[in-house]
Amino acid sequence: MEYQPLYTPGSLSESAFIESLLGASGIRYFIKNDNFARMYPGTQRTFYVHPDDYIAAREVLKELQREPIPPEVLEQLSVIEPPLERSTPEQDAESRSRIFGITVLVILACYTVYKIISSG
């Protein structure tokens, strides 16, 4: 599968912003001319995404993009996955409680190891 062109940012700061959005969303991407553009600032970068992540990437960048999805890209997309479900407040609270419990266990384990080593 070939990666699909997604977006060409107008500046380095916009590029960094898009990188953070795509990375935080777990979208597989690469930037064409990334290293070259760092050496020669006038060079345009272009974001390319994995075909399975194309629709999700468009959703993430919907405020930046106004042009429709090209028909040839739509034809190449074989599977469109539903958007990720957001967690409920109850699930968030349960996750925080698990993380807190694990953190307490790690601290106790470290303290126990410290006491064993220091008692010599």
PDB file of N, CA and C in Angstrom:
ATOM      1  N   MET A   1       0.832  -1.187   0.000  1.00  0.00           N
ATOM      2  CA  MET A   1       0.000   0.000   0.000  1.00  0.00           C
ATOM      3  C   MET A   1       0.876   1.248   0.000  1.00  0.00           C
ATOM      4  N   GLU A   2       0.529   2.167  -0.855  1.00  0.00           N
ATOM      5  CA  GLU A   2       1.262   3.422  -0.900  1.00  0.00           C
ATOM      6  C   GLU A   2       0.653   4.419   0.066  1.00  0.00           C
ATOM      7  N   TYR A   3       1.529   5.156   0.723  1.00  0.00           N
ATOM      8  CA  TYR A   3       1.049   6.223   1.590  1.00  0.00           C
ATOM      9  C   TYR A   3       0.419   7.311   0.723  1.00  0.00           C
ATOM     10  N   GLN A   4      -0.614   7.956   1.263  1.00  0.00           N
ATOM     11  CA  GLN A   4      -1.374   8.958   0.523  1.00  0.00           C
ATOM     12  C   GLN A   4      -0.962  10.358   0.945  1.00  0.00           C
ATOM     13  N   PRO A   5      -0.810  11.289  -0.017  1.00  0.00           N
ATOM     14  CA  PRO A   5      -0.511  12.670   0.368  1.00  0.00           C
ATOM     15  C   PRO A   5      -1.697  13.251   1.124  1.00  0.00           C
ATOM     16  N   LEU A   6      -1.391  13.938   2.212  1.00  0.00           N
ATOM     17  CA  LEU A   6      -2.452  14.471   3.063  1.00  0.00           C
ATOM     18  C   LEU A   6      -2.485  15.991   3.074  1.00  0.00           C
ATOM     19  N   TYR A   7      -1.329  16.605   3.350  1.00  0.00           N
ATOM     20  CA  TYR A   7      -1.351  18.048   3.578  1.00  0.00           C
ATOM     21  C   TYR A   7       0.052  18.619   3.403  1.00  0.00           C
ATOM     22  N   THR A   8       0.134  19.818   2.864  1.00  0.00           N
ATOM     23  CA  THR A   8       1.399  20.535   2.752  1.00  0.00           C
ATOM     24  C   THR A   8       1.275  21.806   3.586  1.00  0.00           C
ATOM     25  N   PRO A   9       1.945  21.830   4.747  1.00  0.00           N
ATOM     26  CA  PRO A   9       1.843  23.005   5.614  1.00  0.00           C
ATOM     27  C   PRO A   9       2.579  24.208   5.032  1.00  0.00           C
ATOM     28  N   GLY A  10       2.180  25.389   5.492  1.00  0.00           N
ATOM     29  CA  GLY A  10       2.775  26.614   4.991  1.00  0.00           C
ATOM     30  C   GLY A  10       3.988  27.082   5.778  1.00  0.00           C
ATOM     31  N   SER A  11       4.204  26.511   6.971  1.00  0.00           N
ATOM     32  CA  SER A  11       5.322  26.963   7.792  1.00  0.00           C
ATOM     33  C   SER A  11       5.831  25.824   8.666  1.00  0.00           C
ATOM     34  N   LEU A  12       7.000  26.052   9.255  1.00  0.00           N
ATOM     35  CA  LEU A  12       7.594  25.059  10.147  1.00  0.00           C
ATOM     36  C   LEU A  12       6.743  24.878  11.402  1.00  0.00           C
ATOM     37  N   SER A  13       6.181  25.967  11.914  1.00  0.00           N
ATOM     38  CA  SER A  13       5.349  25.858  13.120  1.00  0.00           C
ATOM     39  C   SER A  13       4.062  25.097  12.828  1.00  0.00           C
ATOM     40  N   GLU A  14       3.472  25.308  11.666  1.00  0.00           N
ATOM     41  CA  GLU A  14       2.277  24.549  11.284  1.00  0.00           C
ATOM     42  C   GLU A  14       2.623  23.071  11.128  1.00  0.00           C
ATOM     43  N   SER A  15       3.792  22.798  10.576  1.00  0.00           N
ATOM     44  CA  SER A  15       4.252  21.419  10.420  1.00  0.00           C
ATOM     45  C   SER A  15       4.411  20.737  11.773  1.00  0.00           C
ATOM     46  N   ALA A  16       4.999  21.439  12.733  1.00  0.00           N
ATOM     47  CA  ALA A  16       5.173  20.880  14.080  1.00  0.00           C
ATOM     48  C   ALA A  16       3.820  20.629  14.736  1.00  0.00           C
ATOM     49  N   PHE A  17       2.879  21.536  14.520  1.00  0.00           N
ATOM     50  CA  PHE A  17       1.531  21.380  15.067  1.00  0.00           C
ATOM     51  C   PHE A  17       0.849  20.138  14.485  1.00  0.00           C
ATOM     52  N   ILE A  18       0.952  19.959  13.183  1.00  0.00           N
ATOM     53  CA  ILE A  18       0.334  18.810  12.517  1.00  0.00           C
ATOM     54  C   ILE A  18       1.001  17.513  12.974  1.00  0.00           C
ATOM     55  N   GLU A  19       2.330  17.541  13.112  1.00  0.00           N
ATOM     56  CA  GLU A  19       3.038  16.354  13.616  1.00  0.00           C
ATOM     57  C   GLU A  19       2.507  15.950  14.983  1.00  0.00           C
ATOM     58  N   SER A  20       2.292  16.922  15.858  1.00  0.00           N
ATOM     59  CA  SER A  20       1.803  16.592  17.196  1.00  0.00           C
ATOM     60  C   SER A  20       0.377  16.052  17.150  1.00  0.00           C
ATOM     61  N   LEU A  21      -0.464  16.602  16.281  1.00  0.00           N
ATOM     62  CA  LEU A  21      -1.834  16.108  16.155  1.00  0.00           C
ATOM     63  C   LEU A  21      -1.857  14.668  15.640  1.00  0.00           C
ATOM     64  N   LEU A  22      -1.104  14.402  14.586  1.00  0.00           N
ATOM     65  CA  LEU A  22      -1.099  13.059  14.002  1.00  0.00           C
ATOM     66  C   LEU A  22      -0.466  12.049  14.956  1.00  0.00           C
ATOM     67  N   GLY A  23       0.632  12.445  15.593  1.00  0.00           N
ATOM     68  CA  GLY A  23       1.297  11.545  16.535  1.00  0.00           C
ATOM     69  C   GLY A  23       0.418  11.211  17.721  1.00  0.00           C
ATOM     70  N   ALA A  24      -0.274  12.206  18.260  1.00  0.00           N
ATOM     71  CA  ALA A  24      -1.151  11.977  19.408  1.00  0.00           C
ATOM     72  C   ALA A  24      -2.351  11.117  19.035  1.00  0.00           C
ATOM     73  N   SER A  25      -2.733  11.136  17.760  1.00  0.00           N
ATOM     74  CA  SER A  25      -3.880  10.345  17.313  1.00  0.00           C
ATOM     75  C   SER A  25      -3.478   8.935  16.882  1.00  0.00           C
ATOM     76  N   GLY A  26      -2.182   8.634  16.906  1.00  0.00           N
ATOM     77  CA  GLY A  26      -1.727   7.299  16.524  1.00  0.00           C
ATOM     78  C   GLY A  26      -1.788   7.044  15.027  1.00  0.00           C
ATOM     79  N   ILE A  27      -1.745   8.092  14.254  1.00  0.00           N
ATOM     80  CA  ILE A  27      -1.829   7.968  12.804  1.00  0.00           C
ATOM     81  C   ILE A  27      -0.427   7.757  12.229  1.00  0.00           C
ATOM     82  N   ARG A  28      -0.304   6.753  11.354  1.00  0.00           N
ATOM     83  CA  ARG A  28       0.984   6.451  10.725  1.00  0.00           C
ATOM     84  C   ARG A  28       1.218   7.447   9.596  1.00  0.00           C
ATOM     85  N   TYR A  29       2.352   8.146   9.654  1.00  0.00           N
ATOM     86  CA  TYR A  29       2.629   9.169   8.662  1.00  0.00           C
ATOM     87  C   TYR A  29       4.137   9.308   8.456  1.00  0.00           C
ATOM     88  N   PHE A  30       4.498   9.986   7.384  1.00  0.00           N
ATOM     89  CA  PHE A  30       5.867  10.443   7.209  1.00  0.00           C
ATOM     90  C   PHE A  30       5.799  11.787   6.500  1.00  0.00           C
ATOM     91  N   ILE A  31       6.896  12.528   6.575  1.00  0.00           N
ATOM     92  CA  ILE A  31       6.933  13.860   5.980  1.00  0.00           C
ATOM     93  C   ILE A  31       7.963  13.854   4.860  1.00  0.00           C
ATOM     94  N   LYS A  32       7.488  14.063   3.653  1.00  0.00           N
ATOM     95  CA  LYS A  32       8.383  14.125   2.498  1.00  0.00           C
ATOM     96  C   LYS A  32       9.156  15.434   2.568  1.00  0.00           C
ATOM     97  N   ASN A  33      10.461  15.363   2.364  1.00  0.00           N
ATOM     98  CA  ASN A  33      11.375  16.514   2.387  1.00  0.00           C
ATOM     99  C   ASN A  33      11.582  17.080   3.783  1.00  0.00           C
ATOM    100  N   ASP A  34      11.341  16.307   4.820  1.00  0.00           N
ATOM    101  CA  ASP A  34      11.458  16.824   6.183  1.00  0.00           C
ATOM    102  C   ASP A  34      12.881  17.265   6.500  1.00  0.00           C
ATOM    103  N   ASN A  35      13.841  16.380   6.339  1.00  0.00           N
ATOM    104  CA  ASN A  35      15.228  16.727   6.661  1.00  0.00           C
ATOM    105  C   ASN A  35      15.770  17.806   5.733  1.00  0.00           C
ATOM    106  N   PHE A  36      15.429  17.698   4.469  1.00  0.00           N
ATOM    107  CA  PHE A  36      15.898  18.688   3.496  1.00  0.00           C
ATOM    108  C   PHE A  36      15.342  20.070   3.828  1.00  0.00           C
ATOM    109  N   ALA A  37      14.081  20.123   4.257  1.00  0.00           N
ATOM    110  CA  ALA A  37      13.448  21.404   4.593  1.00  0.00           C
ATOM    111  C   ALA A  37      14.062  22.027   5.835  1.00  0.00           C
ATOM    112  N   ARG A  38      14.616  21.193   6.724  1.00  0.00           N
ATOM    113  CA  ARG A  38      15.288  21.741   7.901  1.00  0.00           C
ATOM    114  C   ARG A  38      16.596  22.446   7.511  1.00  0.00           C
ATOM    115  N   MET A  39      17.251  21.927   6.475  1.00  0.00           N
ATOM    116  CA  MET A  39      18.499  22.551   6.017  1.00  0.00           C
ATOM    117  C   MET A  39      18.233  23.741   5.108  1.00  0.00           C
ATOM    118  N   TYR A  40      17.171  23.630   4.290  1.00  0.00           N
ATOM    119  CA  TYR A  40      16.830  24.684   3.345  1.00  0.00           C
ATOM    120  C   TYR A  40      15.382  25.104   3.597  1.00  0.00           C
ATOM    121  N   PRO A  41      15.187  26.141   4.420  1.00  0.00           N
ATOM    122  CA  PRO A  41      13.847  26.510   4.887  1.00  0.00           C
ATOM    123  C   PRO A  41      12.796  26.767   3.808  1.00  0.00           C
ATOM    124  N   GLY A  42      13.161  27.084   2.593  1.00  0.00           N
ATOM    125  CA  GLY A  42      12.166  27.347   1.548  1.00  0.00           C
ATOM    126  C   GLY A  42      11.535  26.084   0.980  1.00  0.00           C
ATOM    127  N   THR A  43      12.071  24.929   1.321  1.00  0.00           N
ATOM    128  CA  THR A  43      11.582  23.665   0.772  1.00  0.00           C
ATOM    129  C   THR A  43      10.243  23.283   1.400  1.00  0.00           C
ATOM    130  N   GLN A  44       9.301  22.875   0.547  1.00  0.00           N
ATOM    131  CA  GLN A  44       7.986  22.480   1.062  1.00  0.00           C
ATOM    132  C   GLN A  44       8.019  21.058   1.600  1.00  0.00           C
ATOM    133  N   ARG A  45       7.355  20.856   2.713  1.00  0.00           N
ATOM    134  CA  ARG A  45       7.163  19.521   3.281  1.00  0.00           C
ATOM    135  C   ARG A  45       5.758  19.074   2.921  1.00  0.00           C
ATOM    136  N   THR A  46       5.589  17.767   2.794  1.00  0.00           N
ATOM    137  CA  THR A  46       4.258  17.222   2.550  1.00  0.00           C
ATOM    138  C   THR A  46       4.049  16.032   3.463  1.00  0.00           C
ATOM    139  N   PHE A  47       2.911  16.025   4.152  1.00  0.00           N
ATOM    140  CA  PHE A  47       2.558  14.909   5.022  1.00  0.00           C
ATOM    141  C   PHE A  47       1.890  13.821   4.195  1.00  0.00           C
ATOM    142  N   TYR A  48       2.361  12.595   4.393  1.00  0.00           N
ATOM    143  CA  TYR A  48       1.764  11.417   3.771  1.00  0.00           C
ATOM    144  C   TYR A  48       1.297  10.494   4.893  1.00  0.00           C
ATOM    145  N   VAL A  49       0.127   9.874   4.712  1.00  0.00           N
ATOM    146  CA  VAL A  49      -0.400   8.978   5.736  1.00  0.00           C
ATOM    147  C   VAL A  49      -0.692   7.610   5.141  1.00  0.00           C
ATOM    148  N   HIS A  50      -0.703   6.610   6.018  1.00  0.00           N
ATOM    149  CA  HIS A  50      -1.044   5.243   5.616  1.00  0.00           C
ATOM    150  C   HIS A  50      -2.489   5.236   5.122  1.00  0.00           C
ATOM    151  N   PRO A  51      -2.797   4.492   4.053  1.00  0.00           N
ATOM    152  CA  PRO A  51      -4.167   4.496   3.523  1.00  0.00           C
ATOM    153  C   PRO A  51      -5.237   4.127   4.550  1.00  0.00           C
ATOM    154  N   ASP A  52      -4.921   3.223   5.473  1.00  0.00           N
ATOM    155  CA  ASP A  52      -5.908   2.843   6.488  1.00  0.00           C
ATOM    156  C   ASP A  52      -6.179   3.976   7.475  1.00  0.00           C
ATOM    157  N   ASP A  53      -5.249   4.930   7.578  1.00  0.00           N
ATOM    158  CA  ASP A  53      -5.395   6.048   8.518  1.00  0.00           C
ATOM    159  C   ASP A  53      -5.838   7.336   7.841  1.00  0.00           C
ATOM    160  N   TYR A  54      -6.076   7.282   6.522  1.00  0.00           N
ATOM    161  CA  TYR A  54      -6.338   8.505   5.764  1.00  0.00           C
ATOM    162  C   TYR A  54      -7.595   9.228   6.257  1.00  0.00           C
ATOM    163  N   ILE A  55      -8.689   8.505   6.423  1.00  0.00           N
ATOM    164  CA  ILE A  55      -9.943   9.141   6.843  1.00  0.00           C
ATOM    165  C   ILE A  55      -9.795   9.728   8.246  1.00  0.00           C
ATOM    166  N   ALA A  56      -9.139   8.987   9.137  1.00  0.00           N
ATOM    167  CA  ALA A  56      -8.927   9.490  10.501  1.00  0.00           C
ATOM    168  C   ALA A  56      -8.056  10.743  10.476  1.00  0.00           C
ATOM    169  N   ALA A  57      -7.034  10.743   9.625  1.00  0.00           N
ATOM    170  CA  ALA A  57      -6.156  11.914   9.522  1.00  0.00           C
ATOM    171  C   ALA A  57      -6.917  13.122   8.987  1.00  0.00           C
ATOM    172  N   ARG A  58      -7.780  12.890   8.003  1.00  0.00           N
ATOM    173  CA  ARG A  58      -8.597  13.988   7.474  1.00  0.00           C
ATOM    174  C   ARG A  58      -9.503  14.548   8.563  1.00  0.00           C
ATOM    175  N   GLU A  59     -10.030  13.655   9.396  1.00  0.00           N
ATOM    176  CA  GLU A  59     -10.894  14.093  10.499  1.00  0.00           C
ATOM    177  C   GLU A  59     -10.103  14.937  11.495  1.00  0.00           C
ATOM    178  N   VAL A  60      -8.877  14.509  11.800  1.00  0.00           N
ATOM    179  CA  VAL A  60      -8.031  15.246  12.745  1.00  0.00           C
ATOM    180  C   VAL A  60      -7.700  16.636  12.198  1.00  0.00           C
ATOM    181  N   LEU A  61      -7.459  16.707  10.895  1.00  0.00           N
ATOM    182  CA  LEU A  61      -7.048  17.983  10.287  1.00  0.00           C
ATOM    183  C   LEU A  61      -8.191  18.695   9.568  1.00  0.00           C
ATOM    184  N   LYS A  62      -9.436  18.366   9.904  1.00  0.00           N
ATOM    185  CA  LYS A  62     -10.565  18.902   9.142  1.00  0.00           C
ATOM    186  C   LYS A  62     -10.633  20.428   9.156  1.00  0.00           C
ATOM    187  N   GLU A  63     -10.160  21.064  10.210  1.00  0.00           N
ATOM    188  CA  GLU A  63     -10.193  22.520  10.263  1.00  0.00           C
ATOM    189  C   GLU A  63      -9.129  23.155   9.365  1.00  0.00           C
ATOM    190  N   LEU A  64      -8.058  22.412   9.071  1.00  0.00           N
ATOM    191  CA  LEU A  64      -6.985  22.948   8.239  1.00  0.00           C
ATOM    192  C   LEU A  64      -7.234  22.716   6.756  1.00  0.00           C
ATOM    193  N   GLN A  65      -8.022  21.694   6.441  1.00  0.00           N
ATOM    194  CA  GLN A  65      -8.239  21.323   5.046  1.00  0.00           C
ATOM    195  C   GLN A  65      -9.647  21.687   4.602  1.00  0.00           C
ATOM    196  N   ARG A  66      -9.725  22.274   3.470  1.00  0.00           N
ATOM    197  CA  ARG A  66     -11.031  22.651   2.936  1.00  0.00           C
ATOM    198  C   ARG A  66     -11.345  21.912   1.631  1.00  0.00           C
ATOM    199  N   GLU A  67     -10.349  21.310   0.982  1.00  0.00           N
ATOM    200  CA  GLU A  67     -10.570  20.658  -0.297  1.00  0.00           C
ATOM    201  C   GLU A  67     -11.144  19.254  -0.082  1.00  0.00           C
ATOM    202  N   PRO A  68     -11.965  18.773  -1.042  1.00  0.00           N
ATOM    203  CA  PRO A  68     -12.555  17.431  -0.899  1.00  0.00           C
ATOM    204  C   PRO A  68     -11.497  16.342  -1.088  1.00  0.00           C
ATOM    205  N   ILE A  69     -11.828  15.137  -0.650  1.00  0.00           N
ATOM    206  CA  ILE A  69     -10.931  13.997  -0.826  1.00  0.00           C
ATOM    207  C   ILE A  69     -10.901  13.645  -2.306  1.00  0.00           C
ATOM    208  N   PRO A  70      -9.704  13.534  -2.896  1.00  0.00           N
ATOM    209  CA  PRO A  70      -9.617  13.208  -4.322  1.00  0.00           C
ATOM    210  C   PRO A  70     -10.250  11.848  -4.619  1.00  0.00           C
ATOM    211  N   PRO A  71     -10.979  11.713  -5.744  1.00  0.00           N
ATOM    212  CA  PRO A  71     -11.659  10.452  -6.078  1.00  0.00           C
ATOM    213  C   PRO A  71     -10.703   9.263  -6.179  1.00  0.00           C
ATOM    214  N   GLU A  72      -9.492   9.482  -6.726  1.00  0.00           N
ATOM    215  CA  GLU A  72      -8.545   8.367  -6.851  1.00  0.00           C
ATOM    216  C   GLU A  72      -8.104   7.846  -5.489  1.00  0.00           C
ATOM    217  N   VAL A  73      -8.070   8.731  -4.502  1.00  0.00           N
ATOM    218  CA  VAL A  73      -7.725   8.298  -3.141  1.00  0.00           C
ATOM    219  C   VAL A  73      -8.882   7.501  -2.552  1.00  0.00           C
ATOM    220  N   LEU A  74     -10.101   7.969  -2.781  1.00  0.00           N
ATOM    221  CA  LEU A  74     -11.268   7.241  -2.282  1.00  0.00           C
ATOM    222  C   LEU A  74     -11.341   5.831  -2.862  1.00  0.00           C
ATOM    223  N   GLU A  75     -10.968   5.690  -4.128  1.00  0.00           N
ATOM    224  CA  GLU A  75     -10.991   4.373  -4.761  1.00  0.00           C
ATOM    225  C   GLU A  75      -9.960   3.435  -4.145  1.00  0.00           C
ATOM    226  N   GLN A  76      -8.831   3.980  -3.706  1.00  0.00           N
ATOM    227  CA  GLN A  76      -7.755   3.153  -3.158  1.00  0.00           C
ATOM    228  C   GLN A  76      -8.012   2.740  -1.720  1.00  0.00           C
ATOM    229  N   LEU A  77      -8.892   3.442  -1.050  1.00  0.00           N
ATOM    230  CA  LEU A  77      -9.174   3.102   0.346  1.00  0.00           C
ATOM    231  C   LEU A  77     -10.069   1.869   0.382  1.00  0.00           C
ATOM    232  N   SER A  78      -9.546   0.803   0.950  1.00  0.00           N
ATOM    233  CA  SER A  78     -10.308  -0.441   0.934  1.00  0.00           C
ATOM    234  C   SER A  78     -11.183  -0.598   2.164  1.00  0.00           C
ATOM    235  N   VAL A  79     -10.679  -0.228   3.318  1.00  0.00           N
ATOM    236  CA  VAL A  79     -11.423  -0.423   4.557  1.00  0.00           C
ATOM    237  C   VAL A  79     -11.516   0.911   5.271  1.00  0.00           C
ATOM    238  N   ILE A  80     -12.732   1.282   5.599  1.00  0.00           N
ATOM    239  CA  ILE A  80     -12.933   2.499   6.376  1.00  0.00           C
ATOM    240  C   ILE A  80     -13.362   2.063   7.764  1.00  0.00           C
ATOM    241  N   GLU A  81     -12.521   2.350   8.747  1.00  0.00           N
ATOM    242  CA  GLU A  81     -12.811   1.959  10.112  1.00  0.00           C
ATOM    243  C   GLU A  81     -13.651   3.051  10.784  1.00  0.00           C
ATOM    244  N   PRO A  82     -14.554   2.644  11.676  1.00  0.00           N
ATOM    245  CA  PRO A  82     -15.339   3.655  12.393  1.00  0.00           C
ATOM    246  C   PRO A  82     -14.431   4.476  13.306  1.00  0.00           C
ATOM    247  N   PRO A  83     -14.815   5.697  13.617  1.00  0.00           N
ATOM    248  CA  PRO A  83     -13.976   6.513  14.503  1.00  0.00           C
ATOM    249  C   PRO A  83     -13.875   5.873  15.889  1.00  0.00           C
ATOM    250  N   LEU A  84     -12.793   6.176  16.572  1.00  0.00           N
ATOM    251  CA  LEU A  84     -12.579   5.637  17.910  1.00  0.00           C
ATOM    252  C   LEU A  84     -13.637   6.177  18.866  1.00  0.00           C
ATOM    253  N   GLU A  85     -14.085   5.306  19.755  1.00  0.00           N
ATOM    254  CA  GLU A  85     -15.067   5.734  20.742  1.00  0.00           C
ATOM    255  C   GLU A  85     -14.364   6.449  21.883  1.00  0.00           C
ATOM    256  N   ARG A  86     -14.997   7.478  22.380  1.00  0.00           N
ATOM    257  CA  ARG A  86     -14.432   8.204  23.510  1.00  0.00           C
ATOM    258  C   ARG A  86     -14.807   7.477  24.802  1.00  0.00           C
ATOM    259  N   SER A  87     -13.925   7.584  25.779  1.00  0.00           N
ATOM    260  CA  SER A  87     -14.203   6.916  27.049  1.00  0.00           C
ATOM    261  C   SER A  87     -15.213   7.731  27.861  1.00  0.00           C
ATOM    262  N   THR A  88     -15.920   7.033  28.727  1.00  0.00           N
ATOM    263  CA  THR A  88     -16.903   7.683  29.593  1.00  0.00           C
ATOM    264  C   THR A  88     -16.203   8.181  30.850  1.00  0.00           C
ATOM    265  N   PRO A  89     -16.826   9.078  31.602  1.00  0.00           N
ATOM    266  CA  PRO A  89     -16.218   9.545  32.854  1.00  0.00           C
ATOM    267  C   PRO A  89     -15.954   8.396  33.832  1.00  0.00           C
ATOM    268  N   GLU A  90     -16.823   7.384  33.821  1.00  0.00           N
ATOM    269  CA  GLU A  90     -16.614   6.242  34.711  1.00  0.00           C
ATOM    270  C   GLU A  90     -15.350   5.473  34.316  1.00  0.00           C
ATOM    271  N   GLN A  91     -15.149   5.289  33.005  1.00  0.00           N
ATOM    272  CA  GLN A  91     -13.946   4.602  32.530  1.00  0.00           C
ATOM    273  C   GLN A  91     -12.697   5.414  32.856  1.00  0.00           C
ATOM    274  N   ASP A  92     -12.796   6.742  32.729  1.00  0.00           N
ATOM    275  CA  ASP A  92     -11.662   7.605  33.063  1.00  0.00           C
ATOM    276  C   ASP A  92     -11.309   7.487  34.538  1.00  0.00           C
ATOM    277  N   ALA A  93     -12.320   7.485  35.395  1.00  0.00           N
ATOM    278  CA  ALA A  93     -12.088   7.373  36.840  1.00  0.00           C
ATOM    279  C   ALA A  93     -11.463   6.020  37.174  1.00  0.00           C
ATOM    280  N   GLU A  94     -11.937   4.959  36.513  1.00  0.00           N
ATOM    281  CA  GLU A  94     -11.382   3.620  36.744  1.00  0.00           C
ATOM    282  C   GLU A  94      -9.917   3.563  36.305  1.00  0.00           C
ATOM    283  N   SER A  95      -9.608   4.176  35.171  1.00  0.00           N
ATOM    284  CA  SER A  95      -8.221   4.204  34.692  1.00  0.00           C
ATOM    285  C   SER A  95      -7.319   4.958  35.663  1.00  0.00           C
ATOM    286  N   ARG A  96      -7.793   6.110  36.146  1.00  0.00           N
ATOM    287  CA  ARG A  96      -7.004   6.882  37.098  1.00  0.00           C
ATOM    288  C   ARG A  96      -6.776   6.094  38.371  1.00  0.00           C
ATOM    289  N   SER A  97      -7.795   5.373  38.818  1.00  0.00           N
ATOM    290  CA  SER A  97      -7.668   4.584  40.035  1.00  0.00           C
ATOM    291  C   SER A  97      -6.661   3.449  39.847  1.00  0.00           C
ATOM    292  N   ARG A  98      -6.675   2.807  38.685  1.00  0.00           N
ATOM    293  CA  ARG A  98      -5.698   1.744  38.402  1.00  0.00           C
ATOM    294  C   ARG A  98      -4.274   2.303  38.358  1.00  0.00           C
ATOM    295  N   ILE A  99      -4.116   3.433  37.703  1.00  0.00           N
ATOM    296  CA  ILE A  99      -2.792   4.049  37.612  1.00  0.00           C
ATOM    297  C   ILE A  99      -2.284   4.419  39.001  1.00  0.00           C
ATOM    298  N   PHE A 100      -3.161   4.966  39.839  1.00  0.00           N
ATOM    299  CA  PHE A 100      -2.770   5.320  41.205  1.00  0.00           C
ATOM    300  C   PHE A 100      -2.347   4.072  41.972  1.00  0.00           C
ATOM    301  N   GLY A 101      -3.125   2.990  41.861  1.00  0.00           N
ATOM    302  CA  GLY A 101      -2.791   1.744  42.550  1.00  0.00           C
ATOM    303  C   GLY A 101      -1.449   1.182  42.098  1.00  0.00           C
ATOM    304  N   ILE A 102      -1.207   1.198  40.806  1.00  0.00           N
ATOM    305  CA  ILE A 102       0.065   0.699  40.278  1.00  0.00           C
ATOM    306  C   ILE A 102       1.207   1.575  40.766  1.00  0.00           C
ATOM    307  N   THR A 103       1.009   2.884  40.778  1.00  0.00           N
ATOM    308  CA  THR A 103       2.042   3.800  41.246  1.00  0.00           C
ATOM    309  C   THR A 103       2.392   3.526  42.705  1.00  0.00           C
ATOM    310  N   VAL A 104       1.383   3.316  43.546  1.00  0.00           N
ATOM    311  CA  VAL A 104       1.627   3.014  44.957  1.00  0.00           C
ATOM    312  C   VAL A 104       2.411   1.715  45.100  1.00  0.00           C
ATOM    313  N   LEU A 105       2.051   0.693  44.315  1.00  0.00           N
ATOM    314  CA  LEU A 105       2.766  -0.579  44.370  1.00  0.00           C
ATOM    315  C   LEU A 105       4.232  -0.423  43.946  1.00  0.00           C
ATOM    316  N   VAL A 106       4.471   0.361  42.912  1.00  0.00           N
ATOM    317  CA  VAL A 106       5.849   0.580  42.448  1.00  0.00           C
ATOM    318  C   VAL A 106       6.649   1.303  43.523  1.00  0.00           C
ATOM    319  N   ILE A 107       6.057   2.310  44.144  1.00  0.00           N
ATOM    320  CA  ILE A 107       6.759   3.047  45.203  1.00  0.00           C
ATOM    321  C   ILE A 107       7.080   2.120  46.375  1.00  0.00           C
ATOM    322  N   LEU A 108       6.119   1.293  46.777  1.00  0.00           N
ATOM    323  CA  LEU A 108       6.364   0.343  47.867  1.00  0.00           C
ATOM    324  C   LEU A 108       7.455  -0.664  47.502  1.00  0.00           C
ATOM    325  N   ALA A 109       7.444  -1.139  46.268  1.00  0.00           N
ATOM    326  CA  ALA A 109       8.469  -2.084  45.827  1.00  0.00           C
ATOM    327  C   ALA A 109       9.847  -1.426  45.851  1.00  0.00           C
ATOM    328  N   CYS A 110       9.934  -0.200  45.387  1.00  0.00           N
ATOM    329  CA  CYS A 110      11.219   0.518  45.397  1.00  0.00           C
ATOM    330  C   CYS A 110      11.702   0.746  46.831  1.00  0.00           C
ATOM    331  N   TYR A 111      10.783   1.106  47.707  1.00  0.00           N
ATOM    332  CA  TYR A 111      11.138   1.333  49.101  1.00  0.00           C
ATOM    333  C   TYR A 111      11.628   0.028  49.745  1.00  0.00           C
ATOM    334  N   THR A 112      10.971  -1.077  49.454  1.00  0.00           N
ATOM    335  CA  THR A 112      11.375  -2.376  49.992  1.00  0.00           C
ATOM    336  C   THR A 112      12.766  -2.756  49.508  1.00  0.00           C
ATOM    337  N   VAL A 113      13.014  -2.573  48.235  1.00  0.00           N
ATOM    338  CA  VAL A 113      14.345  -2.871  47.674  1.00  0.00           C
ATOM    339  C   VAL A 113      15.392  -1.968  48.333  1.00  0.00           C
ATOM    340  N   TYR A 114      15.074  -0.704  48.493  1.00  0.00           N
ATOM    341  CA  TYR A 114      15.994   0.228  49.143  1.00  0.00           C
ATOM    342  C   TYR A 114      16.337  -0.240  50.561  1.00  0.00           C
ATOM    343  N   LYS A 115      15.303  -0.632  51.328  1.00  0.00           N
ATOM    344  CA  LYS A 115      15.525  -1.087  52.696  1.00  0.00           C
ATOM    345  C   LYS A 115      16.381  -2.354  52.739  1.00  0.00           C
ATOM    346  N   ILE A 116      16.141  -3.273  51.814  1.00  0.00           N
ATOM    347  CA  ILE A 116      16.920  -4.516  51.764  1.00  0.00           C
ATOM    348  C   ILE A 116      18.378  -4.210  51.444  1.00  0.00           C
ATOM    349  N   ILE A 117      18.599  -3.336  50.467  1.00  0.00           N
ATOM    350  CA  ILE A 117      19.981  -3.002  50.067  1.00  0.00           C
ATOM    351  C   ILE A 117      20.676  -2.229  51.172  1.00  0.00           C
ATOM    352  N   SER A 118      19.989  -1.287  51.812  1.00  0.00           N
ATOM    353  CA  SER A 118      20.633  -0.452  52.828  1.00  0.00           C
ATOM    354  C   SER A 118      20.889  -1.220  54.140  1.00  0.00           C
ATOM    355  N   SER A 119      20.149  -2.303  54.394  1.00  0.00           N
ATOM    356  CA  SER A 119      20.375  -3.062  55.626  1.00  0.00           C
ATOM    357  C   SER A 119      21.600  -3.961  55.521  1.00  0.00           C
ATOM    358  N   GLY A 120      22.052  -4.136  54.309  1.00  0.00           N
ATOM    359  CA  GLY A 120      23.324  -4.755  54.018  1.00  0.00           C
ATOM    360  C   GLY A 120      23.552  -6.137  54.317  1.00  0.00           C
TER     361      GLY A 120
END
